Amino acid sequence: MLNKLLSKMHIKVLCMILFFVMGVAFIAVKVKGKAEGVKFVIGMSQANLTEPWRISMNKEIISEAKKYKDLKVIYKDGGGDAEKQKNDINELLNSGVDLLIVSINDLKKLEPVVSRAHKEIPVIVLDRGIEGCDYTLYIGPDNKRIGKKAGEFVAELVGDKKSNVIEVQGVLDSVPSLEMSQGFREVIKKHPNIKIEDTVIGEWQRDEVEDDMKNLLRDNRDIDVIFAQNDYMALGAYKAAQSNGLNNVKIIGVDALSGKDGGLDLVEKGVLEGTFTCSTGGKEAVDYAMNILMGRSNVPKTVILKSERITRSNVYKYLNEKYK
């Protein structure tokens, strides 16, 4: 009798365990499953959303993703913290996304997690490439070429006149900043009449550049041109020059974003002498992602985005062509 009772209890316990395991499995499937009508889920890991250029990248991705009714995109903001972005990527992988789009904050710290992700799913890297081939597709600008074009523009603006230039870089030792600076300096070296008087590290931020440049221009007023590696920092440099009464300094930026105080607006207003387009790659990332997910074979390993000089002479034409 006792044996029968124990046997019944044993069976009941086993059933309870079995139902519990099945329940956990069901929850796990539900968490990693897709909503009705969704065929593909993309995870987007952004380095930060404090820079207008990165905000524009996310907007492009959101806009382009709306064209695909069976696509869902999950967004993560790393907040400029490499550890947080690493955790974001791991969370996206654990949630069961089909493809990862990532714009990296710190190459050295994030390269291992991106490489691991590539072993599981396709990975599209934007803006800053990683070493080796542990990614499916890289999309980004030719920063060195943009720097060269900026150097050529400075040479055109000053002619044969002896001139002093300040270069405003983004983040110290970041690959985009280094490449752009390298291209810029290669051209400037060919012009003995042009001297790079100083370099400011602006962290891609307007206010930081404005504060640093106010002090710099107060002590050194003999500046002819300022080249900033994005339009946001260029605006900070302009404000600093104005506050010091330096109204004839020519300022050049990069990005050519639309909207109020974007590069196109600043060129149109005459705040900037010119800017260079630097596409975010957001639109291209979504389109190539869908090609990858649908198994199409026409996907390259690298896509280098073109850049164009924008000045007051062609800004209206560019706007009409881009937004017609």
Protein backbone atom coordinates (compact mmCIF):
# COMPACT_ATOMS: atom_id res chain seq x y z
CA MET A 1 0.00 0.00 0.00
CA LEU A 2 2.78 2.35 1.00
CA ASN A 3 4.71 1.45 -2.17
CA LYS A 4 1.64 2.21 -4.32
CA LEU A 5 1.19 5.58 -2.60
CA LEU A 6 4.84 6.46 -3.08
CA SER A 7 4.60 5.39 -6.71
CA LYS A 8 1.56 7.66 -7.28
CA MET A 9 3.33 10.58 -5.59
CA HIS A 10 6.41 9.93 -7.72
CA ILE A 11 4.34 10.04 -10.91
CA LYS A 12 2.61 13.27 -9.75
CA VAL A 13 5.97 14.94 -9.03
CA LEU A 14 7.32 13.87 -12.42
CA CYS A 15 4.24 15.31 -14.12
CA MET A 16 4.63 18.59 -12.25
CA ILE A 17 8.27 18.79 -13.28
CA LEU A 18 7.37 17.98 -16.87
CA PHE A 19 4.67 20.68 -17.00
CA PHE A 20 7.09 23.17 -15.45
CA VAL A 21 9.78 22.41 -18.05
CA MET A 22 7.24 22.66 -20.88
CA GLY A 23 6.02 25.98 -19.48
CA VAL A 24 9.54 27.42 -19.34
CA ALA A 25 10.19 26.22 -22.88
CA PHE A 26 6.92 27.85 -24.05
CA ILE A 27 7.88 31.17 -22.41
CA ALA A 28 11.34 31.01 -23.97
CA VAL A 29 9.83 30.38 -27.41
CA LYS A 30 7.36 33.22 -26.90
CA VAL A 31 10.12 35.66 -25.88
CA LYS A 32 12.29 34.72 -28.86
CA GLY A 33 9.35 34.34 -31.23
CA LYS A 34 8.13 36.91 -33.73
CA ALA A 35 4.94 38.90 -33.67
CA GLU A 36 2.29 38.10 -36.23
CA GLY A 37 3.27 39.37 -39.67
CA VAL A 38 6.95 39.77 -38.74
CA LYS A 39 9.33 37.59 -40.73
CA PHE A 40 12.67 39.19 -39.85
CA VAL A 41 13.99 40.95 -36.72
CA ILE A 42 17.09 43.14 -36.93
CA GLY A 43 19.01 44.35 -33.88
CA MET A 44 20.55 47.83 -34.14
CA SER A 45 23.34 48.64 -31.66
CA GLN A 46 24.21 52.36 -31.78
CA ALA A 47 27.37 53.75 -30.12
CA ASN A 48 25.55 56.83 -28.80
CA LEU A 49 22.70 59.18 -29.59
CA THR A 50 24.37 62.45 -28.57
CA GLU A 51 25.90 63.17 -31.99
CA PRO A 52 23.50 64.54 -34.66
CA TRP A 53 25.14 62.28 -37.26
CA ARG A 54 24.28 59.14 -35.28
CA ILE A 55 20.76 60.41 -34.58
CA SER A 56 20.41 60.88 -38.34
CA MET A 57 21.65 57.31 -38.88
CA ASN A 58 18.92 55.92 -36.63
CA LYS A 59 16.28 58.07 -38.35
CA GLU A 60 17.39 56.72 -41.72
CA ILE A 61 17.14 53.15 -40.47
CA ILE A 62 13.67 53.78 -39.00
CA SER A 63 12.46 55.40 -42.23
CA GLU A 64 13.86 52.71 -44.51
CA ALA A 65 12.64 49.85 -42.29
CA LYS A 66 9.04 51.11 -42.67
CA LYS A 67 9.20 50.11 -46.34
CA TYR A 68 9.38 46.44 -45.33
CA LYS A 69 6.10 45.33 -43.74
CA ASP A 70 7.50 42.02 -42.46
CA LEU A 71 10.53 43.63 -40.75
CA LYS A 72 10.98 44.69 -37.13
CA VAL A 73 14.04 46.56 -35.80
CA ILE A 74 15.06 46.58 -32.13
CA TYR A 75 17.19 49.60 -31.19
CA LYS A 76 19.84 49.86 -28.47
CA ASP A 77 21.75 53.02 -27.44
CA GLY A 78 25.23 52.40 -26.02
CA GLY A 79 25.39 55.91 -24.55
CA GLY A 80 29.08 56.21 -25.45
CA ASP A 81 29.95 53.39 -23.03
CA ALA A 82 31.73 50.40 -24.62
CA GLU A 83 30.70 48.04 -21.80
CA LYS A 84 27.05 49.01 -22.18
CA GLN A 85 27.23 48.53 -25.94
CA LYS A 86 28.81 45.10 -25.39
CA ASN A 87 25.89 44.17 -23.10
CA ASP A 88 23.44 45.60 -25.66
CA ILE A 89 24.84 43.35 -28.39
CA ASN A 90 24.67 40.30 -26.13
CA GLU A 91 21.05 41.13 -25.22
CA LEU A 92 20.14 41.42 -28.89
CA LEU A 93 21.76 38.07 -29.65
CA ASN A 94 20.00 36.40 -26.72
CA SER A 95 16.66 37.81 -27.87
CA GLY A 96 17.02 35.90 -31.14
CA VAL A 97 17.49 38.67 -33.72
CA ASP A 98 18.15 37.46 -37.27
CA LEU A 99 20.79 40.07 -38.13
CA LEU A 100 22.86 42.67 -36.27
CA ILE A 101 23.61 46.21 -37.45
CA VAL A 102 26.26 47.85 -35.28
CA SER A 103 27.94 51.24 -35.22
CA ILE A 104 30.90 50.71 -32.90
CA ASN A 105 31.96 52.98 -30.06
CA ASP A 106 35.34 51.42 -29.19
CA LEU A 107 36.96 49.09 -31.72
CA LYS A 108 39.36 47.36 -29.34
CA LYS A 109 36.76 46.61 -26.69
CA LEU A 110 33.92 45.65 -29.02
CA GLU A 111 35.70 43.72 -31.75
CA PRO A 112 35.55 40.37 -29.82
CA VAL A 113 31.79 40.57 -29.19
CA VAL A 114 31.12 41.56 -32.82
CA SER A 115 33.27 38.64 -34.02
CA ARG A 116 31.32 36.26 -31.76
CA ALA A 117 28.04 37.66 -33.08
CA HIS A 118 29.18 37.00 -36.64
CA LYS A 119 29.58 33.30 -35.85
CA GLU A 120 25.86 33.18 -35.03
CA ILE A 121 24.15 35.63 -37.40
CA PRO A 122 24.97 38.07 -40.25
CA VAL A 123 26.55 41.34 -39.04
CA ILE A 124 26.59 44.71 -40.82
CA VAL A 125 29.16 47.16 -39.42
CA LEU A 126 28.61 50.89 -39.98
CA ASP A 127 31.04 53.82 -39.83
CA ARG A 128 34.05 52.14 -38.17
CA GLY A 129 35.35 48.88 -39.58
CA ILE A 130 36.85 46.05 -37.54
CA GLU A 131 40.05 44.06 -38.11
CA GLY A 132 39.89 40.87 -40.14
CA CYS A 133 36.78 39.55 -41.85
CA ASP A 134 34.51 38.76 -38.89
CA TYR A 135 31.53 40.60 -40.35
CA THR A 136 29.19 40.16 -43.28
CA LEU A 137 29.28 43.71 -44.67
CA TYR A 138 31.00 47.00 -43.85
CA ILE A 139 29.35 50.28 -44.92
CA GLY A 140 31.10 53.58 -44.33
CA PRO A 141 32.63 56.76 -45.75
CA ASP A 142 36.16 57.20 -47.07
CA ASN A 143 37.31 59.46 -44.24
CA LYS A 144 40.81 59.94 -45.59
CA ARG A 145 39.42 61.11 -48.92
CA ILE A 146 37.07 63.54 -47.15
CA GLY A 147 40.09 64.93 -45.27
CA LYS A 148 41.97 65.39 -48.54
CA LYS A 149 39.02 67.19 -50.10
CA ALA A 150 38.85 69.49 -47.07
CA GLY A 151 42.56 70.24 -47.41
CA GLU A 152 42.11 71.07 -51.10
CA PHE A 153 39.20 73.35 -50.23
CA VAL A 154 41.32 75.21 -47.66
CA ALA A 155 44.05 75.68 -50.29
CA GLU A 156 41.50 77.12 -52.73
CA LEU A 157 40.07 79.48 -50.11
CA VAL A 158 43.41 81.03 -49.08
CA GLY A 159 45.25 80.90 -52.41
CA ASP A 160 48.90 81.99 -52.10
CA LYS A 161 48.29 84.02 -48.94
CA LYS A 162 50.21 82.99 -45.83
CA SER A 163 47.49 81.44 -43.66
CA ASN A 164 46.97 79.79 -40.28
CA VAL A 165 44.54 76.92 -39.79
CA ILE A 166 43.02 75.21 -36.76
CA GLU A 167 41.96 71.58 -37.12
CA VAL A 168 39.12 70.37 -34.88
CA GLN A 169 39.20 66.59 -34.56
CA GLY A 170 36.50 64.29 -33.16
CA VAL A 171 37.69 61.72 -30.62
CA LEU A 172 41.40 61.32 -29.88
CA ASP A 173 42.85 58.22 -31.61
CA SER A 174 39.50 57.16 -33.12
CA VAL A 175 39.90 55.68 -36.59
CA PRO A 176 37.58 58.16 -38.42
CA SER A 177 39.36 61.14 -36.82
CA LEU A 178 42.82 59.78 -37.57
CA GLU A 179 42.00 58.94 -41.18
CA MET A 180 40.37 62.30 -41.87
CA SER A 181 43.25 64.16 -40.23
CA GLN A 182 45.80 62.14 -42.18
CA GLY A 183 44.17 63.03 -45.50
CA PHE A 184 43.82 66.69 -44.51
CA ARG A 185 47.45 67.03 -43.43
CA GLU A 186 48.79 65.26 -46.52
CA VAL A 187 47.30 68.01 -48.67
CA ILE A 188 48.21 70.91 -46.37
CA LYS A 189 51.88 69.80 -46.38
CA LYS A 190 51.97 70.48 -50.11
CA HIS A 191 51.22 74.16 -49.46
CA PRO A 192 54.11 75.89 -47.61
CA ASN A 193 52.03 79.04 -47.15
CA ILE A 194 49.49 77.16 -44.97
CA LYS A 195 50.30 76.26 -41.38
CA ILE A 196 48.22 74.15 -39.00
CA GLU A 197 48.51 76.42 -36.00
CA ASP A 198 46.70 74.20 -33.49
CA THR A 199 44.55 71.09 -33.06
CA VAL A 200 41.46 70.84 -30.84
CA ILE A 201 39.90 67.54 -29.74
CA GLY A 202 36.17 68.25 -29.68
CA GLU A 203 34.67 64.80 -28.86
CA TRP A 204 32.24 65.48 -31.77
CA GLN A 205 30.38 67.96 -29.49
CA ARG A 206 29.45 71.60 -30.22
CA ASP A 207 29.59 73.02 -26.68
CA GLU A 208 32.95 71.48 -25.87
CA VAL A 209 34.47 72.97 -29.01
CA GLU A 210 32.92 76.36 -28.34
CA ASP A 211 34.42 76.49 -24.83
CA ASP A 212 37.89 75.36 -25.92
CA MET A 213 37.97 77.58 -28.98
CA LYS A 214 36.93 80.69 -27.06
CA ASN A 215 40.11 80.47 -24.99
CA LEU A 216 42.26 79.49 -27.95
CA LEU A 217 41.08 82.34 -30.18
CA ARG A 218 41.38 84.82 -27.33
CA ASP A 219 45.12 84.10 -27.20
CA ASN A 220 45.67 83.57 -30.93
CA ARG A 221 43.62 85.85 -33.15
CA ASP A 222 45.67 85.30 -36.31
CA ILE A 223 43.54 82.43 -37.66
CA ASP A 224 42.23 82.31 -41.21
CA VAL A 225 40.47 78.94 -41.49
CA ILE A 226 38.99 76.38 -39.10
CA PHE A 227 38.37 72.86 -40.34
CA ALA A 228 36.11 70.77 -38.08
CA GLN A 229 35.50 67.07 -38.65
CA ASN A 230 31.75 67.49 -38.25
CA ASP A 231 29.31 70.38 -38.70
CA TYR A 232 28.22 70.25 -35.06
CA MET A 233 31.75 71.10 -33.91
CA ALA A 234 32.07 73.62 -36.75
CA LEU A 235 29.06 75.47 -35.32
CA GLY A 236 30.77 75.57 -31.93
CA ALA A 237 33.90 76.98 -33.57
CA TYR A 238 31.80 79.62 -35.35
CA LYS A 239 30.18 80.72 -32.08
CA ALA A 240 33.61 80.96 -30.43
CA ALA A 241 34.98 83.05 -33.30
CA GLN A 242 31.98 85.38 -33.17
CA SER A 243 32.28 85.85 -29.42
CA ASN A 244 35.90 86.95 -29.95
CA GLY A 245 34.94 89.37 -32.72
CA LEU A 246 36.63 87.27 -35.43
CA ASN A 247 34.12 87.65 -38.24
CA ASN A 248 36.41 86.82 -41.16
CA VAL A 249 37.46 83.31 -40.16
CA LYS A 250 36.36 80.80 -42.77
CA ILE A 251 34.90 77.60 -41.30
CA ILE A 252 34.53 74.21 -42.97
CA GLY A 253 32.62 71.22 -41.63
CA VAL A 254 31.67 67.65 -42.52
CA ASP A 255 28.33 65.74 -42.57
CA ALA A 256 25.94 68.01 -44.50
CA LEU A 257 22.91 66.97 -42.45
CA SER A 258 19.52 68.53 -43.12
CA GLY A 259 17.35 70.39 -40.62
CA LYS A 260 17.91 73.42 -38.42
CA ASP A 261 21.62 73.95 -37.65
CA GLY A 262 22.52 70.97 -39.81
CA GLY A 263 25.41 71.47 -42.20
CA LEU A 264 23.19 72.30 -45.17
CA ASP A 265 21.34 74.95 -43.16
CA LEU A 266 24.63 76.43 -41.90
CA VAL A 267 26.04 76.65 -45.43
CA GLU A 268 22.82 78.23 -46.68
CA LYS A 269 23.02 80.86 -43.92
CA GLY A 270 26.70 81.57 -44.61
CA VAL A 271 27.80 80.31 -41.19
CA LEU A 272 29.98 77.69 -42.88
CA GLU A 273 32.04 78.30 -45.97
CA GLY A 274 31.28 74.74 -46.96
CA THR A 275 30.76 71.17 -45.80
CA PHE A 276 31.20 67.65 -47.16
CA THR A 277 28.50 65.03 -47.32
CA CYS A 278 29.22 62.03 -45.11
CA SER A 279 26.36 59.56 -45.47
CA THR A 280 25.47 57.56 -42.37
CA GLY A 281 24.78 54.37 -44.31
CA GLY A 282 21.53 53.77 -42.43
CA LYS A 283 19.37 53.42 -45.54
CA GLU A 284 21.91 51.18 -47.27
CA ALA A 285 22.25 49.01 -44.15
CA VAL A 286 18.54 48.16 -44.10
CA ASP A 287 18.37 47.43 -47.83
CA TYR A 288 21.45 45.19 -47.77
CA ALA A 289 20.20 43.53 -44.57
CA MET A 290 17.01 42.49 -46.34
CA ASN A 291 19.03 41.15 -49.29
CA ILE A 292 21.11 39.09 -46.87
CA LEU A 293 18.10 37.79 -44.95
CA MET A 294 16.30 36.83 -48.15
CA GLY A 295 19.35 34.89 -49.32
CA ARG A 296 20.28 37.06 -52.27
CA SER A 297 23.84 36.69 -53.52
CA ASN A 298 24.50 40.25 -54.73
CA VAL A 299 25.90 41.47 -51.39
CA PRO A 300 29.47 42.89 -51.40
CA LYS A 301 31.87 42.73 -48.46
CA THR A 302 32.46 46.49 -48.43
CA VAL A 303 30.42 49.53 -49.49
CA ILE A 304 32.25 52.89 -49.48
CA LEU A 305 29.87 55.85 -49.50
CA LYS A 306 30.54 58.83 -51.77
CA SER A 307 31.19 62.36 -50.51
CA GLU A 308 30.39 65.67 -52.18
CA ARG A 309 31.50 69.23 -51.43
CA ILE A 310 28.61 71.55 -50.58
CA THR A 311 28.96 75.33 -50.75
CA ARG A 312 26.49 78.17 -51.25
CA SER A 313 26.94 77.76 -55.00
CA ASN A 314 25.39 74.27 -55.06
CA VAL A 315 23.49 73.84 -51.77
CA TYR A 316 20.06 74.57 -53.32
CA LYS A 317 20.71 72.21 -56.21
CA TYR A 318 21.79 69.49 -53.77
CA LEU A 319 18.68 70.01 -51.62
CA ASN A 320 16.38 69.85 -54.63
CA GLU A 321 17.97 66.64 -55.90
CA LYS A 322 18.09 64.97 -52.50
CA TYR A 323 14.57 65.83 -51.33
CA LYS A 324 12.59 66.10 -54.60
